[in-house]
Amino acid sequence: MERDLRARGTAYEVLEAKYEDYGAAIAEGVAVGSVRVMASASGRIYGVRIVGEGAAEMIGEWGLAIQTRQRLHNLLFLQHAFPSMSFLSKRAAEGWAMNRMTSPLVRRMIRWIA
């Protein structure tokens, strides 16, 4: 997927939620793996790679999101069971949202609201 995006000259960012950084995965003894998302700055999901415990259950959510052209903010606000491995999908979406907080536009909006 990333090779294809680079070959087409598509701008994208990589968001990754690692199992080793998630307490539930560590507690269950499955702290090897990650949810890796390739997305545009506007949140369009180009592709996802999930490796680790629960990957088969998690990939369906991402497949549906891509098929229905959902954006990362839609997954961000989707309720995920906590603690569960699927919460790592939400963490990847949170990474995208946190990257937006450094935008000058967002900072101006926050200052205006405050």
N, C-alpha and C. Protein backbone atom coordinates (compact mmCIF):
# COMPACT_ATOMS: atom_id res chain seq x y z
N MET A 1 0.82 -1.19 0.00
CA MET A 1 0.00 0.00 0.00
C MET A 1 0.87 1.26 0.00
N GLU A 2 1.84 1.33 0.92
CA GLU A 2 2.66 2.54 0.99
C GLU A 2 3.49 2.71 -0.29
N ARG A 3 3.94 1.62 -0.83
CA ARG A 3 4.71 1.67 -2.08
C ARG A 3 3.85 2.26 -3.20
N ASP A 4 2.58 1.85 -3.27
CA ASP A 4 1.66 2.37 -4.28
C ASP A 4 1.40 3.86 -4.09
N LEU A 5 1.21 4.27 -2.85
CA LEU A 5 0.98 5.69 -2.57
C LEU A 5 2.18 6.53 -2.98
N ARG A 6 3.37 6.06 -2.66
CA ARG A 6 4.59 6.79 -3.05
C ARG A 6 4.74 6.84 -4.56
N ALA A 7 4.46 5.73 -5.24
CA ALA A 7 4.59 5.67 -6.70
C ALA A 7 3.64 6.63 -7.39
N ARG A 8 2.46 6.82 -6.81
CA ARG A 8 1.48 7.75 -7.39
C ARG A 8 1.73 9.19 -6.97
N GLY A 9 2.66 9.38 -6.04
CA GLY A 9 2.93 10.73 -5.55
C GLY A 9 1.85 11.25 -4.63
N THR A 10 1.13 10.36 -3.99
CA THR A 10 0.05 10.73 -3.09
C THR A 10 0.63 11.14 -1.73
N ALA A 11 0.24 12.30 -1.26
CA ALA A 11 0.66 12.74 0.08
C ALA A 11 -0.14 11.96 1.11
N TYR A 12 0.55 11.41 2.08
CA TYR A 12 -0.12 10.65 3.13
C TYR A 12 0.71 10.70 4.40
N GLU A 13 0.07 10.35 5.49
CA GLU A 13 0.79 10.22 6.75
C GLU A 13 0.51 8.84 7.32
N VAL A 14 1.44 8.37 8.12
CA VAL A 14 1.31 7.06 8.74
C VAL A 14 1.00 7.26 10.22
N LEU A 15 -0.04 6.60 10.66
CA LEU A 15 -0.45 6.64 12.07
C LEU A 15 -0.32 5.22 12.60
N GLU A 16 0.31 5.08 13.73
CA GLU A 16 0.52 3.73 14.24
C GLU A 16 0.23 3.67 15.73
N ALA A 17 -0.57 2.70 16.11
CA ALA A 17 -0.84 2.40 17.52
C ALA A 17 -0.20 1.05 17.79
N LYS A 18 0.80 1.05 18.64
CA LYS A 18 1.55 -0.18 18.93
C LYS A 18 0.96 -0.90 20.13
N TYR A 19 0.89 -2.20 20.01
CA TYR A 19 0.39 -3.02 21.11
C TYR A 19 1.24 -2.80 22.36
N GLU A 20 2.53 -2.64 22.20
CA GLU A 20 3.44 -2.52 23.35
C GLU A 20 3.19 -1.25 24.16
N ASP A 21 2.45 -0.28 23.61
CA ASP A 21 2.14 0.96 24.31
C ASP A 21 0.75 0.93 24.94
N TYR A 22 0.10 -0.21 24.89
CA TYR A 22 -1.29 -0.32 25.36
C TYR A 22 -1.35 -1.30 26.54
N GLY A 23 -1.78 -0.80 27.67
CA GLY A 23 -1.80 -1.59 28.89
C GLY A 23 -2.57 -2.90 28.80
N ALA A 24 -3.69 -2.90 28.10
CA ALA A 24 -4.49 -4.13 27.99
C ALA A 24 -3.72 -5.22 27.25
N ALA A 25 -2.98 -4.85 26.22
CA ALA A 25 -2.18 -5.83 25.47
C ALA A 25 -1.06 -6.38 26.34
N ILE A 26 -0.44 -5.49 27.10
CA ILE A 26 0.64 -5.92 28.00
C ILE A 26 0.08 -6.87 29.06
N ALA A 27 -1.05 -6.51 29.64
CA ALA A 27 -1.66 -7.34 30.68
C ALA A 27 -2.06 -8.71 30.17
N GLU A 28 -2.48 -8.78 28.91
CA GLU A 28 -2.89 -10.06 28.32
C GLU A 28 -1.71 -10.84 27.76
N GLY A 29 -0.52 -10.25 27.80
CA GLY A 29 0.68 -10.94 27.30
C GLY A 29 0.75 -11.00 25.78
N VAL A 30 0.13 -10.02 25.10
CA VAL A 30 0.14 -10.00 23.64
C VAL A 30 0.64 -8.64 23.13
N ALA A 31 1.74 -8.19 23.70
CA ALA A 31 2.23 -6.84 23.42
C ALA A 31 3.08 -6.73 22.17
N VAL A 32 2.87 -7.62 21.22
CA VAL A 32 3.61 -7.54 19.95
C VAL A 32 2.60 -7.34 18.83
N GLY A 33 2.74 -6.23 18.12
CA GLY A 33 1.85 -5.94 17.01
C GLY A 33 1.54 -4.47 16.92
N SER A 34 0.78 -4.11 15.90
CA SER A 34 0.41 -2.71 15.73
C SER A 34 -0.75 -2.56 14.76
N VAL A 35 -1.40 -1.40 14.87
CA VAL A 35 -2.40 -0.97 13.90
C VAL A 35 -1.74 0.19 13.16
N ARG A 36 -1.49 0.02 11.87
CA ARG A 36 -0.80 1.02 11.06
C ARG A 36 -1.75 1.52 9.99
N VAL A 37 -1.99 2.84 9.98
CA VAL A 37 -2.97 3.44 9.07
C VAL A 37 -2.26 4.43 8.15
N MET A 38 -2.57 4.36 6.87
CA MET A 38 -2.10 5.35 5.90
C MET A 38 -3.30 6.21 5.54
N ALA A 39 -3.17 7.53 5.75
CA ALA A 39 -4.30 8.42 5.55
C ALA A 39 -3.84 9.77 5.04
N SER A 40 -4.77 10.50 4.46
CA SER A 40 -4.48 11.86 4.00
C SER A 40 -4.56 12.82 5.18
N ALA A 41 -4.12 14.05 4.96
CA ALA A 41 -4.19 15.07 6.00
C ALA A 41 -5.64 15.35 6.40
N SER A 42 -6.57 15.17 5.46
CA SER A 42 -7.98 15.41 5.76
C SER A 42 -8.67 14.20 6.39
N GLY A 43 -7.94 13.11 6.59
CA GLY A 43 -8.50 11.94 7.26
C GLY A 43 -9.01 10.85 6.35
N ARG A 44 -8.79 10.98 5.04
CA ARG A 44 -9.20 9.90 4.13
C ARG A 44 -8.30 8.69 4.38
N ILE A 45 -8.90 7.55 4.56
CA ILE A 45 -8.15 6.33 4.87
C ILE A 45 -7.77 5.64 3.57
N TYR A 46 -6.46 5.52 3.33
CA TYR A 46 -5.97 4.86 2.12
C TYR A 46 -5.77 3.36 2.35
N GLY A 47 -5.35 3.00 3.52
CA GLY A 47 -5.11 1.59 3.80
C GLY A 47 -4.75 1.38 5.25
N VAL A 48 -4.84 0.12 5.69
CA VAL A 48 -4.57 -0.23 7.08
C VAL A 48 -3.86 -1.58 7.09
N ARG A 49 -2.89 -1.69 7.99
CA ARG A 49 -2.23 -2.98 8.22
C ARG A 49 -2.31 -3.25 9.71
N ILE A 50 -2.86 -4.39 10.07
CA ILE A 50 -2.95 -4.77 11.48
C ILE A 50 -2.23 -6.10 11.64
N VAL A 51 -1.29 -6.12 12.58
CA VAL A 51 -0.55 -7.33 12.89
C VAL A 51 -0.66 -7.54 14.39
N GLY A 52 -1.10 -8.71 14.81
CA GLY A 52 -1.16 -9.01 16.23
C GLY A 52 -2.49 -9.61 16.63
N GLU A 53 -2.60 -9.85 17.93
CA GLU A 53 -3.79 -10.45 18.52
C GLU A 53 -5.04 -9.62 18.18
N GLY A 54 -6.08 -10.28 17.70
CA GLY A 54 -7.33 -9.61 17.40
C GLY A 54 -7.38 -8.92 16.04
N ALA A 55 -6.34 -9.08 15.22
CA ALA A 55 -6.30 -8.40 13.92
C ALA A 55 -7.48 -8.79 13.04
N ALA A 56 -7.85 -10.05 13.06
CA ALA A 56 -8.95 -10.52 12.21
C ALA A 56 -10.27 -9.85 12.58
N GLU A 57 -10.47 -9.56 13.87
CA GLU A 57 -11.70 -8.90 14.29
C GLU A 57 -11.65 -7.40 14.00
N MET A 58 -10.48 -6.80 14.10
CA MET A 58 -10.37 -5.35 13.92
C MET A 58 -10.42 -4.90 12.47
N ILE A 59 -9.94 -5.72 11.55
CA ILE A 59 -9.80 -5.26 10.16
C ILE A 59 -11.15 -5.00 9.51
N GLY A 60 -12.20 -5.67 9.96
CA GLY A 60 -13.53 -5.46 9.39
C GLY A 60 -14.01 -4.03 9.54
N GLU A 61 -13.76 -3.45 10.70
CA GLU A 61 -14.13 -2.06 10.96
C GLU A 61 -13.46 -1.13 9.95
N TRP A 62 -12.18 -1.37 9.71
CA TRP A 62 -11.43 -0.53 8.77
C TRP A 62 -11.88 -0.76 7.33
N GLY A 63 -12.16 -2.03 6.99
CA GLY A 63 -12.65 -2.32 5.64
C GLY A 63 -13.95 -1.61 5.35
N LEU A 64 -14.86 -1.63 6.32
CA LEU A 64 -16.13 -0.93 6.17
C LEU A 64 -15.91 0.58 6.05
N ALA A 65 -15.01 1.11 6.86
CA ALA A 65 -14.73 2.55 6.81
C ALA A 65 -14.19 2.96 5.44
N ILE A 66 -13.30 2.16 4.89
CA ILE A 66 -12.74 2.48 3.56
C ILE A 66 -13.83 2.35 2.50
N GLN A 67 -14.59 1.26 2.55
CA GLN A 67 -15.63 1.00 1.56
C GLN A 67 -16.70 2.09 1.54
N THR A 68 -17.04 2.61 2.69
CA THR A 68 -18.09 3.63 2.77
C THR A 68 -17.51 5.05 2.80
N ARG A 69 -16.22 5.15 2.54
CA ARG A 69 -15.52 6.44 2.46
C ARG A 69 -15.61 7.28 3.73
N GLN A 70 -15.56 6.59 4.85
CA GLN A 70 -15.53 7.29 6.14
C GLN A 70 -14.16 7.93 6.33
N ARG A 71 -14.09 8.90 7.16
CA ARG A 71 -12.82 9.58 7.48
C ARG A 71 -12.41 9.19 8.90
N LEU A 72 -11.18 9.50 9.23
CA LEU A 72 -10.67 9.13 10.55
C LEU A 72 -11.48 9.72 11.69
N HIS A 73 -12.02 10.91 11.50
CA HIS A 73 -12.81 11.49 12.60
C HIS A 73 -14.04 10.65 12.91
N ASN A 74 -14.57 9.93 11.90
CA ASN A 74 -15.71 9.05 12.16
C ASN A 74 -15.31 7.89 13.07
N LEU A 75 -14.12 7.33 12.85
CA LEU A 75 -13.64 6.25 13.71
C LEU A 75 -13.25 6.78 15.09
N LEU A 76 -12.80 8.00 15.13
CA LEU A 76 -12.43 8.61 16.40
C LEU A 76 -13.63 8.69 17.34
N PHE A 77 -14.80 9.02 16.80
CA PHE A 77 -15.99 9.17 17.63
C PHE A 77 -16.81 7.89 17.76
N LEU A 78 -16.41 6.82 17.10
CA LEU A 78 -17.07 5.52 17.25
C LEU A 78 -16.71 4.94 18.61
N GLN A 79 -17.69 4.42 19.29
CA GLN A 79 -17.43 3.84 20.61
C GLN A 79 -16.74 2.50 20.47
N HIS A 80 -15.65 2.32 21.21
CA HIS A 80 -14.92 1.06 21.26
C HIS A 80 -14.92 0.55 22.69
N ALA A 81 -15.05 -0.75 22.85
CA ALA A 81 -15.00 -1.33 24.18
C ALA A 81 -13.62 -1.06 24.79
N PHE A 82 -13.60 -0.76 26.07
CA PHE A 82 -12.34 -0.54 26.76
C PHE A 82 -12.34 -1.33 28.05
N PRO A 83 -11.34 -2.06 28.34
CA PRO A 83 -10.18 -2.31 27.51
C PRO A 83 -10.45 -3.45 26.53
N SER A 84 -10.05 -3.27 25.31
CA SER A 84 -10.14 -4.32 24.29
C SER A 84 -9.07 -4.02 23.25
N MET A 85 -8.74 -5.00 22.46
CA MET A 85 -7.72 -4.79 21.43
C MET A 85 -8.25 -3.82 20.37
N SER A 86 -9.56 -3.79 20.13
CA SER A 86 -10.11 -2.89 19.12
C SER A 86 -9.92 -1.42 19.49
N PHE A 87 -9.65 -1.16 20.76
CA PHE A 87 -9.42 0.22 21.19
C PHE A 87 -8.17 0.78 20.52
N LEU A 88 -7.28 -0.09 20.04
CA LEU A 88 -6.09 0.37 19.32
C LEU A 88 -6.47 1.07 18.02
N SER A 89 -7.58 0.69 17.41
CA SER A 89 -8.05 1.40 16.22
C SER A 89 -8.40 2.84 16.56
N LYS A 90 -9.05 3.03 17.68
CA LYS A 90 -9.39 4.37 18.14
C LYS A 90 -8.11 5.16 18.43
N ARG A 91 -7.12 4.50 19.01
CA ARG A 91 -5.85 5.18 19.29
C ARG A 91 -5.16 5.66 18.03
N ALA A 92 -5.24 4.90 16.95
CA ALA A 92 -4.65 5.35 15.68
C ALA A 92 -5.37 6.60 15.19
N ALA A 93 -6.69 6.60 15.28
CA ALA A 93 -7.47 7.78 14.88
C ALA A 93 -7.15 8.97 15.79
N GLU A 94 -6.93 8.72 17.07
CA GLU A 94 -6.56 9.79 17.99
C GLU A 94 -5.22 10.41 17.59
N GLY A 95 -4.30 9.58 17.11
CA GLY A 95 -3.01 10.09 16.64
C GLY A 95 -3.19 11.09 15.51
N TRP A 96 -4.10 10.78 14.60
CA TRP A 96 -4.40 11.71 13.49
C TRP A 96 -4.95 13.02 14.04
N ALA A 97 -5.88 12.93 14.97
CA ALA A 97 -6.48 14.14 15.55
C ALA A 97 -5.44 14.97 16.28
N MET A 98 -4.56 14.33 17.01
CA MET A 98 -3.53 15.07 17.75
C MET A 98 -2.58 15.78 16.79
N ASN A 99 -2.29 15.17 15.65
CA ASN A 99 -1.44 15.84 14.65
C ASN A 99 -2.10 17.11 14.13
N ARG A 100 -3.43 17.17 14.11
CA ARG A 100 -4.13 18.35 13.64
C ARG A 100 -4.01 19.51 14.63
N MET A 101 -3.75 19.21 15.89
CA MET A 101 -3.68 20.25 16.92
C MET A 101 -2.50 21.18 16.72
N THR A 102 -1.55 20.80 15.89
CA THR A 102 -0.39 21.66 15.65
C THR A 102 -0.63 22.61 14.48
N SER A 103 -1.77 22.50 13.84
CA SER A 103 -2.11 23.34 12.70
C SER A 103 -2.34 24.79 13.15
N PRO A 104 -1.77 25.77 12.44
CA PRO A 104 -2.02 27.17 12.78
C PRO A 104 -3.51 27.54 12.75
N LEU A 105 -4.25 26.96 11.81
CA LEU A 105 -5.69 27.22 11.73
C LEU A 105 -6.40 26.75 13.00
N VAL A 106 -6.08 25.55 13.45
CA VAL A 106 -6.71 25.01 14.66
C VAL A 106 -6.33 25.88 15.86
N ARG A 107 -5.09 26.29 15.94
CA ARG A 107 -4.67 27.14 17.06
C ARG A 107 -5.43 28.47 17.06
N ARG A 108 -5.63 29.06 15.88
CA ARG A 108 -6.39 30.31 15.79
C ARG A 108 -7.84 30.08 16.22
N MET A 109 -8.42 28.95 15.81
CA MET A 109 -9.79 28.66 16.20
C MET A 109 -9.92 28.48 17.70
N ILE A 110 -8.96 27.80 18.30
CA ILE A 110 -8.99 27.59 19.75
C ILE A 110 -8.86 28.93 20.47
N ARG A 111 -7.95 29.79 19.99
CA ARG A 111 -7.81 31.10 20.61
C ARG A 111 -9.10 31.90 20.48
N TRP A 112 -9.74 31.81 19.33
CA TRP A 112 -10.99 32.54 19.10
C TRP A 112 -12.09 32.03 20.05
N ILE A 113 -12.17 30.73 20.21
CA ILE A 113 -13.18 30.13 21.09
C ILE A 113 -12.90 30.51 22.55
N ALA A 114 -11.63 30.43 22.93
CA ALA A 114 -11.25 30.73 24.33
C ALA A 114 -11.35 32.21 24.58
